Amino acid sequence: MRPRVVATALVCASLGLLGAAPDTGAAPPLPARMADTGGGTQLITAEAPRAGSTSGTLTWWDLRNGRWTPAGSTPARFGAKGLVEGASRRQGTNTTPTGLYDLPYAFGVQPAPRGTSYAYRPVRESSWWCQDNKSRAYNRWTEPRPADCRAAESEHLLAYRAQYAYALVIGFNYHKPVRGRGAGIFLHVNGRGATAGCVSVSAGAMRALLSWARPWRRPHLAIGTTDGRTAITRY
């Protein structure tokens, strides 16, 4: 499904043509209701209706002149077992961790889309993501796979040509990895169904995101539910 991109200029022009005044009673945009957005001027939100959902909506936002404005929106998929609080997530549960995360770098089987400014690593035959809790390379990209990282406990990235055509690393459990919490959580292209814990969107949406994201604007990804204990506004 093609991403539904919201063009800010067109929205503003439409309001001008209609002579519509701002609705002061309208709810603030989602990022303005969040506890934290990461301190940057770009944000991606991945929102599911409830914790048990396997699908929802991903929206990317720009902060301009003090106001968050949507730059694009698309359907998203989550873990096959829904979403769970990131701080208590366990590896192998097929759940997507909720929370607010940075996006360290991008990678892909396909070349970086035109306009990509993120650091972009090409996937090669020797590219692996180590998920072995006993390895010193736990939750890291490795080339080649180190001897202490078992293949059965890792992902051979080239084996997922469709899903990893384009991807962004999500900073969940990345900077100071906790063993057993989870490894290899990405924002990537849709596969056949729900994910093993990642967030996925269409290939077109991933190309649009990579062309839009600017690392110097410090984009973050917020994952959560509409309300409840894992409400996205908590993060």
Protein backbone atom coordinates (compact mmCIF):
# COMPACT_ATOMS: atom_id res chain seq x y z
CA MET A 1 0.00 0.00 0.00
CA ARG A 2 1.44 3.41 -0.93
CA PRO A 3 2.09 5.76 2.02
CA ARG A 4 -0.38 8.55 2.45
CA VAL A 5 1.87 11.60 2.54
CA VAL A 6 0.44 14.72 4.09
CA ALA A 7 1.82 17.82 2.41
CA THR A 8 1.88 20.71 4.85
CA ALA A 9 1.83 23.33 2.12
CA LEU A 10 -1.31 21.84 0.56
CA VAL A 11 -3.06 21.66 3.93
CA CYS A 12 -2.29 25.31 4.63
CA ALA A 13 -3.34 26.34 1.12
CA SER A 14 -6.64 24.49 1.49
CA LEU A 15 -7.39 26.24 4.74
CA GLY A 16 -6.64 29.58 3.10
CA LEU A 17 -8.97 28.86 0.19
CA LEU A 18 -11.75 27.83 2.53
CA GLY A 19 -11.20 30.84 4.74
CA ALA A 20 -11.05 28.55 7.75
CA ALA A 21 -9.87 30.01 11.02
CA PRO A 22 -7.76 27.89 13.34
CA ASP A 23 -9.86 25.67 15.58
CA THR A 24 -8.72 26.72 19.03
CA GLY A 25 -10.69 23.83 20.50
CA ALA A 26 -8.82 21.17 18.49
CA ALA A 27 -6.54 18.80 20.35
CA PRO A 28 -2.82 19.59 20.03
CA PRO A 29 -0.88 17.37 17.60
CA LEU A 30 0.36 14.09 19.05
CA PRO A 31 3.99 15.16 19.64
CA ALA A 32 2.80 18.19 21.62
CA ARG A 33 0.99 15.82 24.00
CA MET A 34 3.99 13.58 24.59
CA ALA A 35 6.14 13.66 27.71
CA ASP A 36 9.32 13.78 25.60
CA THR A 37 10.16 13.92 21.89
CA GLY A 38 13.94 13.51 22.14
CA GLY A 39 14.83 17.18 21.87
CA GLY A 40 15.11 17.28 18.09
CA THR A 41 13.03 18.87 15.35
CA GLN A 42 11.98 15.62 13.66
CA LEU A 43 9.97 12.79 15.20
CA ILE A 44 8.43 9.50 14.08
CA THR A 45 5.45 8.09 15.99
CA ALA A 46 4.30 4.47 15.71
CA GLU A 47 0.91 4.18 17.40
CA ALA A 48 -1.19 1.06 17.89
CA PRO A 49 -4.83 1.05 19.09
CA ARG A 50 -4.03 -1.29 22.02
CA ALA A 51 -1.23 -3.42 23.45
CA GLY A 52 -2.43 -6.57 21.68
CA SER A 53 -2.57 -4.93 18.24
CA THR A 54 -0.34 -6.04 15.40
CA SER A 55 -1.05 -3.00 13.22
CA GLY A 56 -1.40 0.74 13.60
CA THR A 57 -0.17 4.00 12.12
CA LEU A 58 3.29 5.47 11.63
CA THR A 59 3.56 9.24 11.18
CA TRP A 60 6.60 11.42 10.70
CA TRP A 61 6.64 15.01 11.96
CA ASP A 62 8.58 18.25 11.58
CA LEU A 63 8.90 20.90 14.27
CA ARG A 64 8.77 24.29 12.59
CA ASN A 65 8.19 27.65 14.26
CA GLY A 66 7.35 25.88 17.50
CA ARG A 67 4.63 23.67 16.01
CA TRP A 68 4.69 19.96 15.11
CA THR A 69 3.35 19.32 11.62
CA PRO A 70 2.82 15.90 10.00
CA ALA A 71 5.05 15.29 6.98
CA GLY A 72 3.71 11.84 6.14
CA SER A 73 1.68 8.92 7.45
CA THR A 74 1.35 5.24 6.57
CA PRO A 75 -0.04 1.96 7.97
CA ALA A 76 2.44 0.12 10.20
CA ARG A 77 2.86 -3.41 11.53
CA PHE A 78 4.06 -4.48 14.97
CA GLY A 79 5.07 -7.71 16.69
CA ALA A 80 2.95 -10.83 16.31
CA LYS A 81 2.29 -10.71 20.06
CA GLY A 82 1.58 -6.99 20.16
CA LEU A 83 3.42 -4.34 22.14
CA VAL A 84 4.99 -4.38 25.60
CA GLU A 85 6.80 -1.89 27.84
CA GLY A 86 10.36 -1.68 26.53
CA ALA A 87 11.97 -1.73 29.98
CA SER A 88 10.40 -5.11 30.79
CA ARG A 89 10.52 -6.75 27.36
CA ARG A 90 12.08 -10.21 27.02
CA GLN A 91 13.91 -11.53 23.97
CA GLY A 92 12.08 -14.02 21.78
CA THR A 93 8.58 -12.89 22.77
CA ASN A 94 7.62 -11.45 19.34
CA THR A 95 6.60 -8.19 21.02
CA THR A 96 7.44 -4.66 19.94
CA PRO A 97 9.02 -2.56 22.71
CA THR A 98 7.24 0.68 23.54
CA GLY A 99 9.25 3.77 24.40
CA LEU A 100 11.19 6.65 22.86
CA TYR A 101 14.33 5.68 20.93
CA ASP A 102 17.00 7.28 18.82
CA LEU A 103 17.85 5.99 15.34
CA PRO A 104 21.60 5.29 15.21
CA TYR A 105 21.97 4.54 11.48
CA ALA A 106 20.31 3.11 8.39
CA PHE A 107 21.11 0.04 6.32
CA GLY A 108 19.77 -1.93 3.40
CA VAL A 109 20.09 -4.61 0.78
CA GLN A 110 19.13 -1.95 -1.78
CA PRO A 111 21.13 1.24 -2.35
CA ALA A 112 20.19 4.23 -0.22
CA PRO A 113 17.20 6.11 -1.64
CA ARG A 114 17.94 9.43 -3.31
CA GLY A 115 18.18 12.19 -0.73
CA THR A 116 19.30 9.92 2.12
CA SER A 117 21.59 11.79 4.52
CA TYR A 118 21.73 9.17 7.27
CA ALA A 119 24.80 6.96 7.55
CA TYR A 120 23.77 3.98 5.42
CA ARG A 121 25.42 0.56 5.60
CA PRO A 122 25.09 -1.79 2.62
CA VAL A 123 24.08 -5.36 3.48
CA ARG A 124 26.64 -7.88 2.23
CA GLU A 125 26.96 -11.65 2.34
CA SER A 126 29.08 -11.27 5.47
CA SER A 127 26.60 -8.99 7.30
CA TRP A 128 25.05 -10.38 10.48
CA TRP A 129 23.15 -8.97 13.46
CA CYS A 130 24.29 -10.81 16.56
CA GLN A 131 21.49 -11.79 18.94
CA ASP A 132 23.47 -14.34 20.95
CA ASN A 133 23.24 -13.39 24.61
CA LYS A 134 26.60 -15.05 25.27
CA SER A 135 28.47 -13.08 22.62
CA ARG A 136 30.53 -9.94 23.14
CA ALA A 137 28.88 -8.66 19.95
CA TYR A 138 25.34 -8.94 21.37
CA ASN A 139 22.91 -6.58 19.60
CA ARG A 140 25.49 -5.38 17.11
CA TRP A 141 26.08 -5.52 13.35
CA THR A 142 29.05 -7.75 12.65
CA GLU A 143 31.09 -8.45 9.49
CA PRO A 144 31.87 -11.30 9.54
CA ARG A 145 30.01 -13.10 12.31
CA PRO A 146 32.41 -13.60 15.23
CA ALA A 147 33.22 -17.07 16.53
CA ASP A 148 31.42 -16.47 19.85
CA CYS A 149 28.15 -15.49 18.09
CA ARG A 150 26.17 -18.55 17.09
CA ALA A 151 24.46 -18.41 13.69
CA ALA A 152 21.32 -20.00 15.16
CA GLU A 153 21.10 -17.07 17.58
CA SER A 154 21.65 -14.33 15.00
CA GLU A 155 20.23 -12.86 11.82
CA HIS A 156 21.98 -13.22 8.49
CA LEU A 157 20.77 -9.88 7.14
CA LEU A 158 20.97 -10.82 3.47
CA ALA A 159 18.49 -13.64 4.10
CA TYR A 160 15.79 -10.98 4.54
CA ARG A 161 16.07 -9.24 1.18
CA ALA A 162 12.51 -7.89 1.20
CA GLN A 163 12.32 -6.79 4.85
CA TYR A 164 15.81 -5.30 4.92
CA ALA A 165 15.68 -3.66 1.52
CA TYR A 166 15.71 -0.47 3.60
CA ALA A 167 15.89 -0.21 7.37
CA LEU A 168 16.67 2.06 10.31
CA VAL A 169 18.23 0.72 13.49
CA ILE A 170 16.01 1.49 16.50
CA GLY A 171 18.03 2.36 19.60
CA PHE A 172 16.17 -0.12 21.81
CA ASN A 173 18.62 -1.92 24.14
CA TYR A 174 21.39 -0.69 21.88
CA HIS A 175 23.69 1.73 23.69
CA LYS A 176 24.01 -0.28 26.92
CA PRO A 177 22.61 -3.70 25.98
CA VAL A 178 20.89 -5.74 28.69
CA ARG A 179 21.23 -9.44 27.89
CA GLY A 180 17.92 -11.16 27.37
CA ARG A 181 15.97 -7.96 26.72
CA GLY A 182 16.11 -8.14 22.96
CA ALA A 183 18.29 -7.49 19.93
CA GLY A 184 17.81 -6.52 16.32
CA ILE A 185 14.83 -4.18 16.62
CA PHE A 186 14.48 -2.18 13.41
CA LEU A 187 12.11 -0.01 11.41
CA HIS A 188 12.02 -1.89 8.11
CA VAL A 189 9.99 -2.92 5.07
CA ASN A 190 6.90 -5.11 5.49
CA GLY A 191 7.19 -8.86 5.20
CA ARG A 192 4.24 -11.21 4.83
CA GLY A 193 2.60 -10.34 8.15
CA ALA A 194 3.28 -9.12 11.67
CA THR A 195 6.91 -8.79 12.76
CA ALA A 196 9.05 -10.58 15.35
CA GLY A 197 9.20 -7.35 17.36
CA CYS A 198 10.19 -4.68 14.86
CA VAL A 199 8.05 -1.94 13.29
CA SER A 200 7.47 -2.34 9.56
CA VAL A 201 5.95 -0.23 6.78
CA SER A 202 5.78 -0.38 2.98
CA ALA A 203 8.91 -0.06 0.87
CA GLY A 204 7.64 3.25 -0.46
CA ALA A 205 7.21 4.59 3.06
CA MET A 206 10.75 3.54 4.00
CA ARG A 207 12.14 5.34 0.96
CA ALA A 208 10.17 8.45 1.90
CA LEU A 209 11.37 8.28 5.51
CA LEU A 210 15.03 7.90 4.56
CA SER A 211 14.79 10.82 2.13
CA TRP A 212 13.12 12.93 4.84
CA ALA A 213 15.17 12.10 7.95
CA ARG A 214 18.07 14.43 8.77
CA PRO A 215 20.45 13.21 11.49
CA TRP A 216 21.37 16.76 12.52
CA ARG A 217 17.71 17.33 13.36
CA ARG A 218 17.95 14.46 15.88
CA PRO A 219 14.94 12.37 14.85
CA HIS A 220 13.59 9.86 17.38
CA LEU A 221 11.00 7.10 17.15
CA ALA A 222 8.21 6.89 19.74
CA ILE A 223 6.33 3.58 19.92
CA GLY A 224 3.18 3.14 21.98
CA THR A 225 -0.55 2.69 22.19
CA THR A 226 -3.41 5.15 22.01
CA ASP A 227 -3.94 4.96 25.77
CA GLY A 228 -3.34 2.74 28.77
CA ARG A 229 -0.09 1.72 30.46
CA THR A 230 1.84 1.84 27.20
CA ALA A 231 0.27 5.07 25.90
CA ILE A 232 2.57 6.81 23.44
CA THR A 233 2.02 10.12 25.26
CA ARG A 234 3.89 8.71 28.28
CA TYR A 235 7.17 8.67 26.39
